[in-house]
Amino acid sequence: MKQLRYILISIFIMTKGVFSFEIDPFPKGAPLVEIFSINCLQMTQSQQMLKAYVMIGLNSNFRNPKKNLERAIVAYDKRMYQVKSYFDSKLGSNKTGKKAFLEALDLWKQSKPLLETEPTKENALRIKKNFLTMINKLLEGTKPLATPDLELISLTGKLCRKPFEVTIDYLMRIWGVHIENYDKDVKKIIDNFHQNLKTLSANKLNNEESHKLLKKAEREFKFFEFMYNSKTKFIPSLLSKKADDNFIIIRNIKKIFKKQAQ
């Protein structure tokens, strides 16, 4: 009964407010900490685009995923080249970092035309694989320039992505996409979220506000654990909204760490 009440409350909350993901423009002349944060956003927003793609495949009109995705692809493509160009100039003679950004861009080039066409289950799996590899390359590319404070911002990005990753896998299963090692992968995502949360909570750059937001993120993530373990079939729009809500919480945490790092 308690679980049913939680679901009904969540569905009621789902009807409140409107959210569509926006691809932040590249901030010209910004310091490294700002561009580092944008690079982290590149990773998370790849997952937002994939979620929108899967929602279209599920014939969901919740928050107009088709319109949001069309707009996002154009803005993301432009920013991807701008971020790569920025880090190319910062990395100088570091061939490893430059190669990582080049490989990330190639993966984006492969995925972009797939996102622009009618969704298919096969392409959803291909985009998912491309984007997870692309995320690793974007992380690898920044390593030569990373400092402890910047690594902290990177951790908030990982915290952002995990609810999206759980949600995408769940939505893909609803759609009928076969995901190998589904249970093992989701458990790994959940464990990773808690590990990152623990690391962030223990950091000295925290203040009272960030601690409260981290606690809130932890509470909100229980929904995704409940969703994964429950026999109840959740509606796609509820899952989509909960992932977006978590993204907003973590972005606010990132803003605090970014300010502290500056």
Protein backbone atom coordinates (compact mmCIF):
# COMPACT_ATOMS: atom_id res chain seq x y z
CA MET A 1 0.00 0.00 0.00
CA LYS A 2 2.85 2.36 0.86
CA GLN A 3 4.51 1.64 -2.49
CA LEU A 4 1.25 2.21 -4.36
CA ARG A 5 0.78 5.55 -2.57
CA TYR A 6 4.32 6.56 -3.59
CA ILE A 7 3.53 5.76 -7.21
CA LEU A 8 0.26 7.71 -7.17
CA ILE A 9 1.92 10.73 -5.55
CA SER A 10 4.68 10.61 -8.14
CA ILE A 11 2.15 10.49 -10.97
CA PHE A 12 0.38 13.53 -9.51
CA ILE A 13 3.67 15.40 -9.26
CA MET A 14 4.43 14.42 -12.84
CA THR A 15 1.53 16.54 -14.08
CA LYS A 16 3.00 19.68 -12.51
CA GLY A 17 5.37 21.94 -14.42
CA VAL A 18 7.04 21.68 -17.79
CA PHE A 19 10.64 20.78 -18.54
CA SER A 20 12.47 20.45 -21.81
CA PHE A 21 16.19 19.97 -21.89
CA GLU A 22 18.26 22.82 -23.26
CA ILE A 23 21.74 22.53 -24.73
CA ASP A 24 23.67 25.34 -23.05
CA PRO A 25 25.62 27.45 -25.56
CA PHE A 26 29.41 27.43 -25.55
CA PRO A 27 30.61 30.29 -23.29
CA LYS A 28 33.33 32.14 -25.22
CA GLY A 29 36.15 33.54 -23.14
CA ALA A 30 35.15 31.50 -20.09
CA PRO A 31 37.74 30.04 -17.66
CA LEU A 32 38.77 26.38 -17.76
CA VAL A 33 36.44 25.44 -14.90
CA GLU A 34 33.44 26.64 -16.94
CA ILE A 35 34.43 24.75 -20.10
CA PHE A 36 35.27 21.68 -18.03
CA SER A 37 31.72 21.86 -16.67
CA ILE A 38 30.33 22.20 -20.21
CA ASN A 39 32.30 19.11 -21.24
CA CYS A 40 30.68 17.21 -18.36
CA LEU A 41 27.34 18.46 -19.59
CA GLN A 42 28.15 17.03 -23.04
CA MET A 43 28.19 13.59 -21.46
CA THR A 44 24.93 13.93 -19.54
CA GLN A 45 23.06 15.55 -22.40
CA SER A 46 23.98 12.70 -24.73
CA GLN A 47 21.86 10.60 -22.36
CA GLN A 48 19.03 13.15 -22.47
CA MET A 49 19.00 12.89 -26.26
CA LEU A 50 18.98 9.10 -26.15
CA LYS A 51 16.12 9.18 -23.64
CA ALA A 52 14.14 11.44 -25.97
CA TYR A 53 14.92 9.09 -28.89
CA VAL A 54 13.58 6.09 -26.94
CA MET A 55 10.49 8.05 -25.84
CA ILE A 56 9.76 8.74 -29.53
CA GLY A 57 10.20 5.03 -30.22
CA LEU A 58 7.62 4.35 -27.50
CA ASN A 59 5.22 6.78 -29.24
CA SER A 60 5.21 9.03 -26.17
CA ASN A 61 4.34 12.69 -26.60
CA PHE A 62 5.22 13.57 -23.02
CA ARG A 63 7.04 16.94 -23.13
CA ASN A 64 7.32 16.65 -26.90
CA PRO A 65 10.50 14.54 -27.17
CA LYS A 66 10.59 14.80 -30.97
CA LYS A 67 10.69 18.60 -30.98
CA ASN A 68 13.19 18.69 -28.10
CA LEU A 69 15.47 16.17 -29.80
CA GLU A 70 15.42 17.98 -33.15
CA ARG A 71 16.42 21.24 -31.47
CA ALA A 72 18.99 19.56 -29.25
CA ILE A 73 20.83 17.79 -32.08
CA VAL A 74 21.58 21.08 -33.85
CA ALA A 75 22.80 22.83 -30.68
CA TYR A 76 24.75 19.82 -29.42
CA ASP A 77 26.51 19.38 -32.77
CA LYS A 78 27.67 23.00 -32.75
CA ARG A 79 28.86 22.87 -29.16
CA MET A 80 30.66 19.56 -29.68
CA TYR A 81 32.98 21.14 -32.25
CA GLN A 82 33.49 24.22 -30.07
CA VAL A 83 34.43 22.18 -27.00
CA LYS A 84 36.84 20.03 -29.04
CA SER A 85 38.48 23.14 -30.50
CA TYR A 86 38.88 24.67 -27.03
CA PHE A 87 40.54 21.60 -25.54
CA ASP A 88 42.73 21.11 -28.61
CA SER A 89 44.20 24.54 -27.93
CA LYS A 90 44.60 23.85 -24.20
CA LEU A 91 46.12 20.39 -24.65
CA GLY A 92 48.95 21.70 -26.82
CA SER A 93 51.30 18.83 -27.66
CA ASN A 94 49.39 16.23 -25.65
CA LYS A 95 48.51 13.74 -28.39
CA THR A 96 46.60 11.35 -26.11
CA GLY A 97 44.12 13.99 -24.99
CA LYS A 98 43.62 15.34 -28.52
CA LYS A 99 43.11 11.84 -29.90
CA ALA A 100 40.45 11.15 -27.25
CA PHE A 101 38.47 14.25 -28.27
CA LEU A 102 38.81 13.34 -31.95
CA GLU A 103 37.47 9.84 -31.26
CA ALA A 104 34.60 11.32 -29.24
CA LEU A 105 33.72 13.59 -32.16
CA ASP A 106 33.80 10.62 -34.58
CA LEU A 107 31.37 8.72 -32.35
CA TRP A 108 29.07 11.75 -32.34
CA LYS A 109 29.26 11.94 -36.15
CA GLN A 110 28.19 8.28 -36.33
CA SER A 111 25.31 8.81 -33.91
CA LYS A 112 23.91 12.10 -35.19
CA PRO A 113 22.29 10.72 -38.40
CA LEU A 114 20.77 7.86 -36.38
CA LEU A 115 19.17 10.34 -33.98
CA GLU A 116 17.74 12.25 -36.95
CA THR A 117 15.92 9.25 -38.44
CA GLU A 118 12.85 7.28 -37.32
CA PRO A 119 13.80 5.42 -34.13
CA THR A 120 14.51 1.70 -34.34
CA LYS A 121 15.46 -0.75 -31.61
CA GLU A 122 18.68 -1.69 -33.38
CA ASN A 123 19.77 1.95 -33.67
CA ALA A 124 18.85 2.62 -30.04
CA LEU A 125 21.36 -0.04 -28.99
CA ARG A 126 23.97 1.35 -31.37
CA ILE A 127 23.52 4.93 -30.09
CA LYS A 128 23.64 3.69 -26.49
CA LYS A 129 26.95 1.93 -27.13
CA ASN A 130 28.39 4.90 -29.05
CA PHE A 131 27.42 7.40 -26.37
CA LEU A 132 28.84 5.36 -23.47
CA THR A 133 32.14 5.08 -25.35
CA MET A 134 31.97 8.78 -26.26
CA ILE A 135 31.56 9.67 -22.59
CA ASN A 136 34.70 7.74 -21.71
CA LYS A 137 36.60 9.53 -24.48
CA LEU A 138 35.42 12.96 -23.31
CA LEU A 139 36.60 12.08 -19.80
CA GLU A 140 39.92 10.78 -21.10
CA GLY A 141 40.52 13.93 -23.13
CA THR A 142 40.34 16.21 -20.09
CA LYS A 143 42.56 14.12 -17.79
CA PRO A 144 45.81 15.96 -18.65
CA LEU A 145 44.20 19.22 -17.48
CA ALA A 146 42.27 17.90 -14.49
CA THR A 147 42.84 19.13 -10.94
CA PRO A 148 41.15 17.79 -7.75
CA ASP A 149 38.54 20.57 -7.91
CA LEU A 150 37.77 19.87 -11.57
CA GLU A 151 37.56 16.14 -10.87
CA LEU A 152 34.86 16.99 -8.35
CA ILE A 153 32.81 18.64 -11.09
CA SER A 154 33.32 15.51 -13.18
CA LEU A 155 31.93 13.41 -10.33
CA THR A 156 28.73 15.47 -10.24
CA GLY A 157 28.37 14.70 -13.94
CA LYS A 158 28.56 10.98 -13.21
CA LEU A 159 25.93 11.45 -10.51
CA CYS A 160 23.70 13.17 -13.11
CA ARG A 161 24.03 10.39 -15.65
CA LYS A 162 23.24 7.34 -13.56
CA PRO A 163 19.47 7.97 -13.22
CA PHE A 164 19.34 8.59 -16.97
CA GLU A 165 21.20 5.34 -17.64
CA VAL A 166 18.83 3.30 -15.42
CA THR A 167 15.82 5.02 -16.98
CA ILE A 168 17.02 4.48 -20.56
CA ASP A 169 17.64 0.78 -19.97
CA TYR A 170 14.20 0.40 -18.37
CA LEU A 171 12.47 2.32 -21.17
CA MET A 172 14.29 0.27 -23.79
CA ARG A 173 13.06 -2.91 -22.13
CA ILE A 174 9.49 -1.57 -22.22
CA TRP A 175 10.03 -0.89 -25.93
CA GLY A 176 11.13 -4.50 -26.42
CA VAL A 177 14.86 -3.90 -26.87
CA HIS A 178 17.00 -6.81 -25.70
CA ILE A 179 19.79 -5.62 -23.40
CA GLU A 180 22.41 -8.22 -22.55
CA ASN A 181 23.34 -8.50 -18.86
CA TYR A 182 20.54 -6.07 -17.97
CA ASP A 183 20.42 -6.93 -14.25
CA LYS A 184 24.20 -6.88 -13.87
CA ASP A 185 24.49 -3.53 -15.69
CA VAL A 186 21.74 -1.82 -13.69
CA LYS A 187 23.18 -3.05 -10.40
CA LYS A 188 26.56 -1.62 -11.45
CA ILE A 189 24.94 1.75 -12.26
CA ILE A 190 23.18 1.83 -8.87
CA ASP A 191 26.36 0.90 -6.97
CA ASN A 192 28.31 3.53 -8.91
CA PHE A 193 25.78 6.23 -8.01
CA HIS A 194 26.12 5.49 -4.29
CA GLN A 195 29.92 5.41 -4.47
CA ASN A 196 30.04 8.78 -6.24
CA LEU A 197 27.53 10.22 -3.78
CA LYS A 198 29.67 9.05 -0.85
CA THR A 199 32.79 10.60 -2.37
CA LEU A 200 31.07 13.92 -3.07
CA SER A 201 29.48 14.07 0.39
CA ALA A 202 32.88 13.70 2.06
CA ASN A 203 34.56 16.49 0.07
CA LYS A 204 35.75 19.61 1.88
CA LEU A 205 34.22 21.95 -0.75
CA ASN A 206 30.73 21.08 0.49
CA ASN A 207 28.65 23.65 2.31
CA GLU A 208 25.28 23.41 4.05
CA GLU A 209 23.34 23.87 0.80
CA SER A 210 25.26 21.23 -1.16
CA HIS A 211 24.89 18.73 1.70
CA LYS A 212 21.12 19.24 1.64
CA LEU A 213 21.01 18.79 -2.14
CA LEU A 214 23.14 15.62 -1.95
CA LYS A 215 20.72 14.19 0.62
CA LYS A 216 17.84 15.12 -1.66
CA ALA A 217 19.54 13.43 -4.62
CA GLU A 218 20.00 10.31 -2.52
CA ARG A 219 16.31 10.29 -1.55
CA GLU A 220 15.20 10.85 -5.13
CA PHE A 221 17.43 8.05 -6.41
CA LYS A 222 15.53 5.57 -4.23
CA PHE A 223 12.77 5.84 -6.82
CA PHE A 224 15.06 4.33 -9.47
CA GLU A 225 16.10 1.52 -7.13
CA PHE A 226 12.44 0.88 -6.30
CA MET A 227 11.57 0.95 -10.00
CA TYR A 228 14.28 -1.57 -10.83
CA ASN A 229 13.30 -3.98 -8.03
CA SER A 230 9.53 -3.62 -8.38
CA LYS A 231 7.22 -5.94 -10.31
CA THR A 232 5.08 -2.89 -11.13
CA LYS A 233 5.23 -1.68 -14.74
CA PHE A 234 6.00 2.03 -14.65
CA ILE A 235 4.71 4.41 -17.28
CA PRO A 236 7.42 5.98 -19.48
CA SER A 237 6.42 9.59 -18.80
CA LEU A 238 6.89 9.14 -15.04
CA LEU A 239 10.33 7.63 -15.51
CA SER A 240 11.35 10.38 -17.91
CA LYS A 241 10.28 13.11 -15.51
CA LYS A 242 12.00 11.59 -12.50
CA ALA A 243 15.31 11.41 -14.40
CA ASP A 244 14.93 15.06 -15.45
CA ASP A 245 14.16 16.09 -11.86
CA ASN A 246 17.32 14.43 -10.60
CA PHE A 247 19.31 16.21 -13.32
CA ILE A 248 18.15 19.59 -12.00
CA ILE A 249 19.14 18.70 -8.42
CA ILE A 250 22.64 17.60 -9.45
CA ARG A 251 23.13 20.66 -11.67
CA ASN A 252 22.51 22.83 -8.62
CA ILE A 253 25.13 20.84 -6.70
CA LYS A 254 27.57 21.29 -9.58
CA LYS A 255 27.02 25.06 -9.51
CA ILE A 256 28.11 25.14 -5.86
CA PHE A 257 31.27 23.10 -6.54
CA LYS A 258 32.04 25.15 -9.63
CA LYS A 259 31.82 28.37 -7.63
CA GLN A 260 34.07 26.92 -4.94
CA ALA A 261 36.60 25.77 -7.57
CA GLN A 262 36.71 29.25 -9.12
